[in-house]
Amino acid sequence: MGASLLSGGGSLSSAYLGYLLAFVVATAACLGAAWRARSVVPDPETRQALTWLFSGSAVWAGAYVGFLLVGSAVGKHLFYQASLIVGFSVVFAWLWFCSAYSGRGLHRSLKVQQFAAAVFVIVTALKVTNPLHGLYYGLEPAGGGPTGGAFGLVVTHETLYWVVMAVAYALSAAGYLMIFEFLLEAEAKVLPLGVLTGLTALPAVFNVIGHVQPALLDITHEPLGVAVFAVGLMLVYETQFSVVQLTG
């Protein structure tokens, strides 16, 4: 799995620094997007949803920075648990944004809120109890030793991780469908959103590659895709998406 990536002195350092830099940049990009959303998004519900989406994504990416920097197994478990919990909450912030932007109002429904809360609690319970059942993820030494390589310990994902990831992508896809339908009804161009959609889905491919091949680490790469989406959306929001929402 991803641990075999960490063989060889020079590649170790470059791989580690590459991952660390990527997540640091993703954290900064999401924080910047959250700040910008507060000043450029006119609709209050959409603005609040985007602020939570990008702020949560910044915490998500920041948890990976902590995971990479900390050396102890306990510290890595805590940072990775935080990334898993915050990362799943970002899915609901995304759905909140999609509902608010498209004017559907689903985010105001008490039944929808209760369903979202129940799903989040169940999935979070599965994650925090991972030390008991070990069905979600594990940590193994990188490079074959207790502190092998710059990464120290790396993640190995188990069955529950892939099940929850499938659920998360299914929920996210429902949000994309809401926005695509809204843009089509407003007769707006959907290409920019289509490109952003593809970029946010790309990390799922990286996850699979990291699980079966040594080319990438077996970790969740989604914060990087969300950072690209955040920057892309804020770059075109004022010129297209905000106008479409107002006219729609």
Protein backbone atom coordinates (compact mmCIF):
# COMPACT_ATOMS: atom_id res chain seq x y z
CA MET A 1 0.00 0.00 0.00
CA GLY A 2 1.04 3.62 0.43
CA ALA A 3 3.78 2.73 2.89
CA SER A 4 5.93 1.25 0.13
CA LEU A 5 6.17 4.73 -1.35
CA LEU A 6 8.58 5.58 1.43
CA SER A 7 11.63 3.61 0.35
CA GLY A 8 14.77 5.44 -0.51
CA GLY A 9 16.28 8.47 1.18
CA GLY A 10 15.78 11.22 -1.42
CA SER A 11 12.25 10.27 -2.41
CA LEU A 12 11.24 10.15 1.23
CA SER A 13 11.99 13.79 1.84
CA SER A 14 10.43 15.04 -1.41
CA ALA A 15 7.27 12.98 -0.95
CA TYR A 16 6.83 14.14 2.64
CA LEU A 17 7.44 17.79 1.82
CA GLY A 18 5.13 17.54 -1.17
CA TYR A 19 2.23 16.25 0.91
CA LEU A 20 2.92 18.71 3.71
CA LEU A 21 3.05 21.67 1.32
CA ALA A 22 -0.11 20.56 -0.48
CA PHE A 23 -2.16 20.44 2.72
CA VAL A 24 -0.71 23.69 4.04
CA VAL A 25 -1.68 25.42 0.77
CA ALA A 26 -5.13 23.78 0.90
CA THR A 27 -5.65 25.08 4.45
CA ALA A 28 -4.67 28.61 3.46
CA ALA A 29 -6.78 28.51 0.29
CA CYS A 30 -9.91 27.40 2.16
CA LEU A 31 -9.41 30.05 4.84
CA GLY A 32 -9.03 32.70 2.15
CA ALA A 33 -12.13 31.46 0.36
CA ALA A 34 -14.14 31.54 3.61
CA TRP A 35 -13.06 35.14 4.22
CA ARG A 36 -13.87 36.13 0.64
CA ALA A 37 -17.27 34.42 0.75
CA ARG A 38 -18.27 36.66 3.64
CA SER A 39 -17.67 39.76 1.53
CA VAL A 40 -18.77 38.81 -2.00
CA VAL A 41 -21.80 36.51 -1.57
CA PRO A 42 -24.97 38.63 -1.33
CA ASP A 43 -27.49 35.97 -0.25
CA PRO A 44 -27.19 35.50 3.55
CA GLU A 45 -28.02 31.78 3.61
CA THR A 46 -25.64 30.99 0.76
CA ARG A 47 -22.95 33.14 2.35
CA GLN A 48 -23.29 31.35 5.68
CA ALA A 49 -23.24 27.93 4.02
CA LEU A 50 -20.13 28.72 1.98
CA THR A 51 -18.39 30.17 5.03
CA TRP A 52 -19.01 26.95 6.96
CA LEU A 53 -18.05 24.81 3.96
CA PHE A 54 -14.72 26.52 3.42
CA SER A 55 -13.94 26.96 7.13
CA GLY A 56 -14.61 23.28 7.77
CA SER A 57 -12.46 22.35 4.81
CA ALA A 58 -9.64 24.48 6.22
CA VAL A 59 -9.85 22.59 9.52
CA TRP A 60 -9.99 19.32 7.56
CA ALA A 61 -6.82 20.11 5.63
CA GLY A 62 -5.19 21.53 8.77
CA ALA A 63 -5.80 18.23 10.57
CA TYR A 64 -3.71 16.54 7.88
CA VAL A 65 -0.93 19.05 8.46
CA GLY A 66 -0.98 18.06 12.12
CA PHE A 67 -1.06 14.37 11.17
CA LEU A 68 2.05 14.78 9.05
CA LEU A 69 3.94 16.88 11.60
CA VAL A 70 3.24 14.95 14.80
CA GLY A 71 5.51 12.01 15.55
CA SER A 72 3.66 9.89 18.13
CA ALA A 73 1.12 7.22 17.26
CA VAL A 74 -1.43 8.75 19.68
CA GLY A 75 -1.04 12.15 18.06
CA LYS A 76 -1.47 10.73 14.58
CA HIS A 77 -4.60 8.86 15.66
CA LEU A 78 -6.08 12.04 17.16
CA PHE A 79 -5.35 14.20 14.13
CA TYR A 80 -6.62 11.56 11.73
CA GLN A 81 -9.79 11.04 13.75
CA ALA A 82 -10.33 14.81 13.66
CA SER A 83 -9.85 14.83 9.89
CA LEU A 84 -12.38 12.03 9.43
CA ILE A 85 -15.03 13.68 11.60
CA VAL A 86 -14.63 17.20 10.22
CA GLY A 87 -14.36 15.86 6.68
CA PHE A 88 -17.73 14.13 6.89
CA SER A 89 -19.33 17.26 8.35
CA VAL A 90 -18.12 19.18 5.28
CA VAL A 91 -20.44 17.00 3.16
CA PHE A 92 -23.46 18.44 4.99
CA ALA A 93 -22.11 21.98 4.68
CA TRP A 94 -21.88 21.33 0.94
CA LEU A 95 -25.50 20.12 0.80
CA TRP A 96 -26.52 23.18 2.82
CA PHE A 97 -24.85 25.40 0.24
CA CYS A 98 -26.46 23.53 -2.67
CA SER A 99 -29.92 23.82 -1.13
CA ALA A 100 -29.50 27.50 -0.30
CA TYR A 101 -27.95 28.43 -3.65
CA SER A 102 -30.61 26.63 -5.70
CA GLY A 103 -33.43 28.05 -3.58
CA ARG A 104 -34.82 24.65 -2.60
CA GLY A 105 -34.98 25.33 1.12
CA LEU A 106 -34.27 21.71 2.07
CA HIS A 107 -31.81 22.92 4.68
CA ARG A 108 -34.71 24.52 6.56
CA SER A 109 -36.67 21.26 6.85
CA LEU A 110 -36.65 19.82 10.36
CA LYS A 111 -36.91 16.25 9.01
CA VAL A 112 -33.93 16.79 6.73
CA GLN A 113 -31.94 18.26 9.61
CA GLN A 114 -32.81 15.30 11.84
CA PHE A 115 -31.85 12.82 9.13
CA ALA A 116 -28.52 14.59 8.56
CA ALA A 117 -27.81 14.66 12.29
CA ALA A 118 -28.61 10.94 12.63
CA VAL A 119 -26.33 9.98 9.74
CA PHE A 120 -23.53 12.15 11.09
CA VAL A 121 -23.82 10.71 14.62
CA ILE A 122 -23.84 7.11 13.37
CA VAL A 123 -20.84 7.59 11.08
CA THR A 124 -18.94 9.52 13.76
CA ALA A 125 -19.60 6.71 16.24
CA LEU A 126 -18.10 4.22 13.79
CA LYS A 127 -15.02 6.41 13.45
CA VAL A 128 -14.33 7.14 17.12
CA THR A 129 -14.80 3.46 18.05
CA ASN A 130 -12.25 2.37 15.45
CA PRO A 131 -9.70 1.47 18.19
CA LEU A 132 -12.19 -1.20 19.34
CA HIS A 133 -13.15 -2.79 16.02
CA GLY A 134 -10.37 -1.70 13.64
CA LEU A 135 -12.73 -1.85 10.67
CA TYR A 136 -12.20 1.76 9.58
CA TYR A 137 -8.46 2.36 9.40
CA GLY A 138 -5.13 1.40 10.86
CA LEU A 139 -1.65 2.86 11.20
CA GLU A 140 1.47 1.02 10.14
CA PRO A 141 5.16 1.97 10.22
CA ALA A 142 6.44 3.67 7.11
CA GLY A 143 9.45 2.11 5.52
CA GLY A 144 9.21 -1.04 7.62
CA GLY A 145 10.45 0.40 10.93
CA PRO A 146 8.82 1.96 14.00
CA THR A 147 9.81 5.43 12.77
CA GLY A 148 10.73 4.57 9.20
CA GLY A 149 10.88 7.47 6.76
CA ALA A 150 9.82 11.04 7.25
CA PHE A 151 6.15 9.98 7.50
CA GLY A 152 6.71 7.80 10.56
CA LEU A 153 3.33 6.03 10.50
CA VAL A 154 0.99 5.87 7.51
CA VAL A 155 -2.71 5.07 7.18
CA THR A 156 -4.19 1.83 5.87
CA HIS A 157 -7.91 2.01 5.12
CA GLU A 158 -10.31 -0.81 5.85
CA THR A 159 -13.81 -1.77 4.70
CA LEU A 160 -15.86 0.80 6.65
CA TYR A 161 -13.81 3.65 5.21
CA TRP A 162 -14.79 2.75 1.65
CA VAL A 163 -18.44 2.29 2.62
CA VAL A 164 -18.58 5.73 4.27
CA MET A 165 -16.70 7.32 1.38
CA ALA A 166 -19.29 5.91 -1.03
CA VAL A 167 -22.08 7.39 1.13
CA ALA A 168 -20.30 10.76 1.25
CA TYR A 169 -19.89 10.87 -2.52
CA ALA A 170 -23.51 9.85 -3.05
CA LEU A 171 -24.66 12.72 -0.81
CA SER A 172 -22.29 15.13 -2.54
CA ALA A 173 -23.59 14.03 -5.94
CA ALA A 174 -27.12 14.91 -4.83
CA GLY A 175 -25.89 18.44 -4.16
CA TYR A 176 -24.28 18.70 -7.59
CA LEU A 177 -27.52 17.56 -9.20
CA MET A 178 -29.40 20.32 -7.37
CA ILE A 179 -27.03 22.97 -8.71
CA PHE A 180 -26.85 21.56 -12.23
CA GLU A 181 -30.64 21.48 -12.44
CA PHE A 182 -30.83 25.05 -11.17
CA LEU A 183 -28.28 26.28 -13.70
CA LEU A 184 -30.02 24.48 -16.54
CA GLU A 185 -33.39 25.96 -15.58
CA ALA A 186 -31.77 29.40 -15.50
CA GLU A 187 -30.24 28.66 -18.94
CA ALA A 188 -26.78 29.38 -17.56
CA LYS A 189 -23.47 27.89 -18.63
CA VAL A 190 -22.69 24.74 -16.67
CA LEU A 191 -19.15 24.21 -17.99
CA PRO A 192 -17.36 26.05 -15.14
CA LEU A 193 -19.21 24.04 -12.52
CA GLY A 194 -18.63 20.87 -14.53
CA VAL A 195 -14.89 21.49 -14.51
CA LEU A 196 -14.92 22.19 -10.77
CA THR A 197 -16.98 19.04 -10.23
CA GLY A 198 -14.39 16.96 -12.02
CA LEU A 199 -11.58 18.47 -9.97
CA THR A 200 -13.32 17.74 -6.66
CA ALA A 201 -14.02 14.15 -7.71
CA LEU A 202 -10.41 13.55 -8.76
CA PRO A 203 -9.15 12.97 -5.17
CA ALA A 204 -11.33 9.85 -5.01
CA VAL A 205 -9.16 8.43 -7.78
CA PHE A 206 -6.06 9.37 -5.78
CA ASN A 207 -7.53 7.54 -2.76
CA VAL A 208 -7.94 4.33 -4.76
CA ILE A 209 -4.46 4.62 -6.27
CA GLY A 210 -2.95 5.18 -2.83
CA HIS A 211 -4.76 2.10 -1.53
CA VAL A 212 -3.59 -0.33 -4.21
CA GLN A 213 -0.36 1.20 -5.55
CA PRO A 214 2.77 2.68 -3.96
CA ALA A 215 2.53 5.81 -6.12
CA LEU A 216 0.53 7.74 -3.47
CA LEU A 217 -0.18 7.53 0.25
CA ASP A 218 -3.27 5.66 1.42
CA ILE A 219 -4.92 8.76 2.90
CA THR A 220 -7.94 10.89 2.10
CA HIS A 221 -7.03 13.44 -0.58
CA GLU A 222 -10.42 15.20 -0.67
CA PRO A 223 -9.28 18.38 1.18
CA LEU A 224 -7.06 19.14 -1.81
CA GLY A 225 -10.02 18.89 -4.19
CA VAL A 226 -12.19 21.06 -1.95
CA ALA A 227 -9.44 23.69 -1.89
CA VAL A 228 -9.39 23.78 -5.69
CA PHE A 229 -13.19 24.06 -5.72
CA ALA A 230 -13.09 26.85 -3.14
CA VAL A 231 -10.62 28.93 -5.12
CA GLY A 232 -12.36 28.24 -8.42
CA LEU A 233 -15.81 29.06 -7.10
CA MET A 234 -14.68 32.33 -5.54
CA LEU A 235 -12.94 33.34 -8.77
CA VAL A 236 -16.11 32.98 -10.86
CA TYR A 237 -18.80 33.54 -8.23
CA GLU A 238 -19.16 37.29 -8.74
CA THR A 239 -19.13 37.01 -12.52
CA GLN A 240 -21.46 34.04 -12.99
CA PHE A 241 -22.87 32.08 -10.07
CA SER A 242 -24.02 35.11 -8.08
CA VAL A 243 -25.70 36.62 -11.14
CA VAL A 244 -27.44 33.32 -11.92
CA GLN A 245 -28.71 33.03 -8.35
CA LEU A 246 -30.10 36.54 -8.37
CA THR A 247 -31.80 36.18 -11.77
CA GLY A 248 -32.98 32.66 -10.95
